[in-house]
Amino acid sequence: MAGISKVALVTGAGSGIGRAVALRLQGAGYDVVLAGRRVAELEKTTSMAKAGGGIVMVPADVSDPASVATLFDRTKNAFGRLDVLFNNAGISAPPVPLEELTFEQWKTVVDVNLNGAFLCAQAAIRMMKAQSPKGGRIINNGSISATSPRPFSAPYTATKHAITGLTKSISLDGRADDIACSQIDIGNAATELTEPMAKGARQADGSLRPEPRIDVCHVADAVLYMASLPLEANVQFMTLMATKMPLVGRG
C-alpha cells in the first residue's frame, strides 16, 4: 500500500476511548472517520485533531441499519477505502438487580453493543472485500466484564461476552479475504464514564471501594499498535488494565 493513506473508522468517537483512539490514529497519519450520535461532541473531537490530516465526522446511530449504511457510504465517498474499523460504541444499563431491569433497558444495550458491532463489522467486511488492495482489520472493544462481571451488569456483560464470539467468527470467516479481527479488553481507562470509580466502585461483596484507573492514552497506543500490524499478523485478544484493579485472583 505504498503511497496510499490508510483509513480508519472509529465509532463512539465523541468521547472517552473512542475520541482518544481517533486522535491517536489521525496523529499517526491515518485518515479518520468519526462516528457517533452527538454532533457537538464529534465537533469537539474534530477540533482537537492534528492540522493537515484527513478527518471526517459522520453523525450515526450504530443500532440503526440505515444509519450504518449511510456511515459506510460516506466513508467510501470521502476516502475510497477502509483499512481499520474500531468497533467502540457502547453503553450500559442502570445498575439494578436483573429482575428489576426493563426489557427496553436490556434491548437498548443489546442494540448498541452487539447489534451495532455486527452491523458495522458487516458493512466493513463488504467494503474490505470489494476494495483494491482488498482486506483490512476490525478491532472490537470488548471488556474484562465479559468474563469477570461487575454486580448488576447483566446486559453489558452479556453483550461483551457475545463480542468475543463475534471476534472469533470474523477472524475465521475473514481469512480468505485478508480481513483480520482483534479484540481489546480494557480495565478502568480514565474517562468520564469511569470517574465514579475513583471514589468507589461496587464490589462483589456489596461494598464500595476506590479502584485505580489508567490514562486513556495507553489504550490509544495499544489500538494503534494493533491497527498498524501487517495483515499477516494479528493480536487476537489483548487485555489492558490498571495493574492494581480488583480483577486477578480474588480481588
Protein backbone atom coordinates (compact mmCIF):
# COMPACT_ATOMS: atom_id res chain seq x y z
CA MET A 1 0.00 0.00 0.00
CA ALA A 2 2.90 2.31 -0.65
CA GLY A 3 1.71 5.83 -1.25
CA ILE A 4 -1.85 5.07 -0.15
CA SER A 5 -3.08 6.64 3.07
CA LYS A 6 -4.67 4.20 5.47
CA VAL A 7 -8.24 4.90 6.50
CA ALA A 8 -9.76 4.17 9.92
CA LEU A 9 -13.36 4.45 11.11
CA VAL A 10 -13.98 4.87 14.84
CA THR A 11 -17.44 4.51 16.34
CA GLY A 12 -18.26 6.26 19.59
CA ALA A 13 -15.65 8.86 18.63
CA GLY A 14 -17.29 11.71 20.51
CA SER A 15 -15.81 10.94 23.92
CA GLY A 16 -13.58 8.75 26.06
CA ILE A 17 -11.80 5.83 24.46
CA GLY A 18 -13.22 6.49 21.00
CA ARG A 19 -12.01 10.09 20.98
CA ALA A 20 -8.55 9.14 22.26
CA VAL A 21 -8.15 6.37 19.69
CA ALA A 22 -9.40 8.51 16.81
CA LEU A 23 -6.97 11.31 17.64
CA ARG A 24 -4.08 8.87 18.07
CA LEU A 25 -4.74 7.26 14.69
CA GLN A 26 -5.13 10.62 12.98
CA GLY A 27 -1.93 11.86 14.61
CA ALA A 28 -0.13 8.78 13.27
CA GLY A 29 -1.13 9.58 9.70
CA TYR A 30 -4.42 7.76 9.24
CA ASP A 31 -7.37 9.39 7.54
CA VAL A 32 -10.12 9.01 10.14
CA VAL A 33 -13.90 8.89 10.05
CA LEU A 34 -15.51 9.88 13.36
CA ALA A 35 -18.89 8.29 14.03
CA GLY A 36 -21.22 8.99 16.93
CA ARG A 37 -24.68 10.20 17.88
CA ARG A 38 -23.71 13.53 19.48
CA VAL A 39 -22.79 16.10 16.85
CA ALA A 40 -21.38 18.62 19.32
CA GLU A 41 -19.01 16.02 20.78
CA LEU A 42 -17.87 14.89 17.33
CA GLU A 43 -17.14 18.51 16.51
CA LYS A 44 -15.08 18.74 19.68
CA THR A 45 -13.05 15.69 18.65
CA THR A 46 -12.53 17.21 15.21
CA SER A 47 -11.29 20.47 16.75
CA MET A 48 -8.64 18.51 18.68
CA ALA A 49 -7.25 16.78 15.59
CA LYS A 50 -3.83 17.49 14.12
CA ALA A 51 -3.83 20.10 11.38
CA GLY A 52 -3.42 18.76 7.87
CA GLY A 53 -4.66 15.22 8.45
CA GLY A 54 -7.77 13.80 6.84
CA ILE A 55 -10.72 13.70 9.22
CA VAL A 56 -14.45 13.45 8.55
CA MET A 57 -17.27 13.35 11.09
CA VAL A 58 -20.44 11.42 10.35
CA PRO A 59 -23.31 11.54 12.86
CA ALA A 60 -24.53 7.96 13.11
CA ASP A 61 -26.51 5.57 15.27
CA VAL A 62 -24.85 2.16 15.05
CA SER A 63 -28.05 0.41 16.17
CA ASP A 64 -29.88 1.64 13.04
CA PRO A 65 -29.12 -0.30 9.83
CA ALA A 66 -29.95 2.66 7.59
CA SER A 67 -27.68 4.95 9.60
CA VAL A 68 -24.83 2.43 9.39
CA ALA A 69 -25.29 2.12 5.63
CA THR A 70 -25.03 5.89 5.28
CA LEU A 71 -21.94 5.94 7.50
CA PHE A 72 -20.07 3.50 5.29
CA ASP A 73 -21.26 5.12 2.07
CA ARG A 74 -19.87 8.43 3.31
CA THR A 75 -16.61 6.73 4.31
CA LYS A 76 -16.22 5.31 0.82
CA ASN A 77 -17.10 8.63 -0.80
CA ALA A 78 -14.61 10.51 1.38
CA PHE A 79 -11.62 8.19 1.22
CA GLY A 80 -12.34 5.38 -1.24
CA ARG A 81 -11.47 2.54 1.10
CA LEU A 82 -11.38 1.32 4.71
CA ASP A 83 -8.40 -0.28 6.41
CA VAL A 84 -9.38 -0.27 10.09
CA LEU A 85 -12.72 -0.34 11.89
CA PHE A 86 -12.58 0.28 15.63
CA ASN A 87 -15.92 -1.03 16.85
CA ASN A 88 -16.05 1.02 20.03
CA ALA A 89 -19.57 2.41 20.53
CA GLY A 90 -21.16 1.02 23.67
CA ILE A 91 -23.50 1.78 26.53
CA SER A 92 -24.59 0.20 29.80
CA ALA A 93 -27.90 -0.08 31.62
CA PRO A 94 -28.70 1.26 35.09
CA PRO A 95 -27.01 -0.91 37.78
CA VAL A 96 -30.12 -2.63 39.12
CA PRO A 97 -30.90 -6.26 40.01
CA LEU A 98 -31.77 -8.36 36.96
CA GLU A 99 -35.38 -8.79 38.00
CA GLU A 100 -35.86 -5.01 38.07
CA LEU A 101 -34.38 -4.41 34.63
CA THR A 102 -36.93 -3.46 31.98
CA PHE A 103 -36.94 -5.13 28.60
CA GLU A 104 -36.42 -1.73 26.98
CA GLN A 105 -33.24 -1.20 29.04
CA TRP A 106 -31.98 -4.65 28.09
CA LYS A 107 -32.81 -4.17 24.40
CA THR A 108 -31.15 -0.75 24.20
CA VAL A 109 -27.83 -2.18 25.39
CA VAL A 110 -28.09 -5.18 23.04
CA ASP A 111 -28.96 -2.93 20.09
CA VAL A 112 -25.90 -0.69 20.57
CA ASN A 113 -23.27 -3.04 21.97
CA LEU A 114 -23.98 -6.18 19.95
CA ASN A 115 -26.23 -5.35 17.01
CA GLY A 116 -24.27 -2.16 16.38
CA ALA A 117 -20.96 -4.02 16.35
CA PHE A 118 -22.43 -6.61 13.98
CA LEU A 119 -23.86 -4.02 11.59
CA CYS A 120 -20.60 -2.07 11.42
CA ALA A 121 -18.50 -5.22 11.02
CA GLN A 122 -20.79 -6.47 8.28
CA ALA A 123 -20.55 -3.20 6.36
CA ALA A 124 -16.77 -3.07 6.86
CA ILE A 125 -16.34 -6.63 5.58
CA ARG A 126 -18.32 -5.86 2.44
CA MET A 127 -16.18 -2.80 1.81
CA MET A 128 -12.88 -4.55 2.59
CA LYS A 129 -13.68 -7.45 0.27
CA ALA A 130 -14.54 -5.17 -2.65
CA GLN A 131 -11.65 -2.68 -2.43
CA SER A 132 -8.23 -2.94 -4.05
CA PRO A 133 -5.99 -3.95 -2.47
CA LYS A 134 -8.56 -5.92 -0.54
CA GLY A 135 -8.54 -6.69 3.17
CA GLY A 136 -8.41 -4.76 6.39
CA ARG A 137 -8.70 -5.05 10.15
CA ILE A 138 -11.61 -4.92 12.56
CA ILE A 139 -10.82 -4.19 16.21
CA ASN A 140 -13.67 -4.81 18.64
CA ASN A 141 -13.78 -3.09 22.01
CA GLY A 142 -14.70 -5.92 24.34
CA SER A 143 -14.45 -5.79 28.11
CA ILE A 144 -12.94 -7.67 31.00
CA SER A 145 -16.51 -7.64 32.32
CA ALA A 146 -17.33 -10.35 29.78
CA THR A 147 -15.57 -12.93 31.94
CA SER A 148 -15.48 -11.10 35.29
CA PRO A 149 -18.76 -9.20 35.57
CA ARG A 150 -19.50 -6.43 37.99
CA PRO A 151 -22.64 -6.59 40.14
CA PHE A 152 -25.86 -5.61 38.37
CA SER A 153 -24.32 -5.53 34.89
CA ALA A 154 -26.13 -8.36 33.07
CA PRO A 155 -26.92 -6.51 29.79
CA TYR A 156 -23.41 -5.09 29.42
CA THR A 157 -21.74 -8.34 30.45
CA ALA A 158 -23.87 -10.48 28.13
CA THR A 159 -23.23 -8.26 25.11
CA LYS A 160 -19.50 -8.08 25.72
CA HIS A 161 -19.35 -11.85 26.15
CA ALA A 162 -21.07 -12.09 22.76
CA ILE A 163 -18.50 -9.74 21.22
CA THR A 164 -15.84 -12.37 21.90
CA GLY A 165 -17.79 -14.86 19.80
CA LEU A 166 -18.22 -12.27 17.07
CA THR A 167 -14.49 -11.54 17.10
CA LYS A 168 -13.61 -15.21 16.69
CA SER A 169 -16.16 -15.70 13.91
CA ILE A 170 -14.92 -12.69 11.95
CA SER A 171 -11.33 -13.88 12.38
CA LEU A 172 -12.25 -17.27 10.91
CA ASP A 173 -14.54 -16.08 8.14
CA GLY A 174 -12.28 -13.20 7.10
CA ARG A 175 -9.15 -15.25 6.50
CA ALA A 176 -9.73 -15.86 2.79
CA ASP A 177 -10.12 -12.15 2.12
CA ASP A 178 -7.23 -10.83 4.25
CA ILE A 179 -9.57 -9.46 6.92
CA ALA A 180 -8.10 -9.71 10.40
CA CYS A 181 -10.14 -9.24 13.57
CA SER A 182 -8.90 -8.36 17.05
CA GLN A 183 -10.40 -7.60 20.43
CA ILE A 184 -9.14 -5.34 23.18
CA ASP A 185 -10.50 -5.80 26.70
CA ILE A 186 -9.91 -2.70 28.80
CA GLY A 187 -9.89 -2.41 32.57
CA ASN A 188 -10.58 1.02 34.07
CA ALA A 189 -9.44 3.50 31.45
CA ALA A 190 -9.70 7.00 32.90
CA THR A 191 -12.68 8.52 31.09
CA GLU A 192 -15.80 10.40 32.17
CA LEU A 193 -17.58 7.05 32.37
CA THR A 194 -15.18 5.68 34.99
CA GLU A 195 -14.79 8.83 37.11
CA PRO A 196 -17.01 7.40 39.90
CA MET A 197 -14.52 4.53 40.34
CA ALA A 198 -12.02 6.91 41.89
CA LYS A 199 -14.48 7.44 44.74
CA GLY A 200 -15.86 3.94 44.96
CA ALA A 201 -16.94 1.10 42.68
CA ARG A 202 -19.36 -1.61 43.80
CA GLN A 203 -17.63 -4.89 44.59
CA ALA A 204 -18.99 -8.44 44.60
CA ASP A 205 -19.46 -8.33 48.38
CA GLY A 206 -21.62 -5.21 48.07
CA SER A 207 -19.01 -2.81 49.39
CA LEU A 208 -17.82 0.33 47.61
CA ARG A 209 -14.08 0.66 47.11
CA PRO A 210 -11.96 3.07 45.09
CA GLU A 211 -10.30 1.46 42.07
CA PRO A 212 -7.19 2.59 40.17
CA ARG A 213 -7.52 3.77 36.58
CA ILE A 214 -5.09 4.13 33.69
CA ASP A 215 -4.62 7.07 31.34
CA VAL A 216 -6.68 6.55 28.20
CA CYS A 217 -3.56 7.35 26.13
CA HIS A 218 -2.35 3.81 26.87
CA VAL A 219 -5.49 2.42 25.24
CA ALA A 220 -4.99 4.64 22.22
CA ASP A 221 -1.38 3.49 21.88
CA ALA A 222 -2.46 -0.16 22.14
CA VAL A 223 -5.10 0.19 19.45
CA LEU A 224 -2.63 1.98 17.18
CA TYR A 225 -0.20 -0.92 17.63
CA MET A 226 -2.89 -3.46 16.79
CA ALA A 227 -4.04 -1.43 13.78
CA SER A 228 -0.52 -0.93 12.41
CA LEU A 229 0.44 -4.59 12.15
CA PRO A 230 0.67 -6.09 8.67
CA LEU A 231 -2.39 -8.20 7.86
CA GLU A 232 -0.40 -11.41 8.14
CA ALA A 233 -0.01 -10.72 11.89
CA ASN A 234 -2.79 -10.22 14.42
CA VAL A 235 -3.26 -9.55 18.11
CA GLN A 236 -6.25 -11.82 18.61
CA PHE A 237 -7.02 -10.68 22.15
CA MET A 238 -5.41 -8.06 24.35
CA THR A 239 -6.21 -7.26 27.97
CA LEU A 240 -5.07 -3.82 29.05
CA MET A 241 -5.84 -2.98 32.66
CA ALA A 242 -4.88 -0.97 35.69
CA THR A 243 -2.29 -3.18 37.35
CA LYS A 244 -3.82 -2.98 40.82
CA MET A 245 -7.50 -3.13 39.96
CA PRO A 246 -9.51 -5.95 41.59
CA LEU A 247 -9.62 -8.47 38.75
CA VAL A 248 -6.92 -11.11 39.02
CA GLY A 249 -7.39 -13.80 41.65
CA ARG A 250 -9.79 -12.90 44.45
CA GLY A 251 -9.60 -9.14 44.01
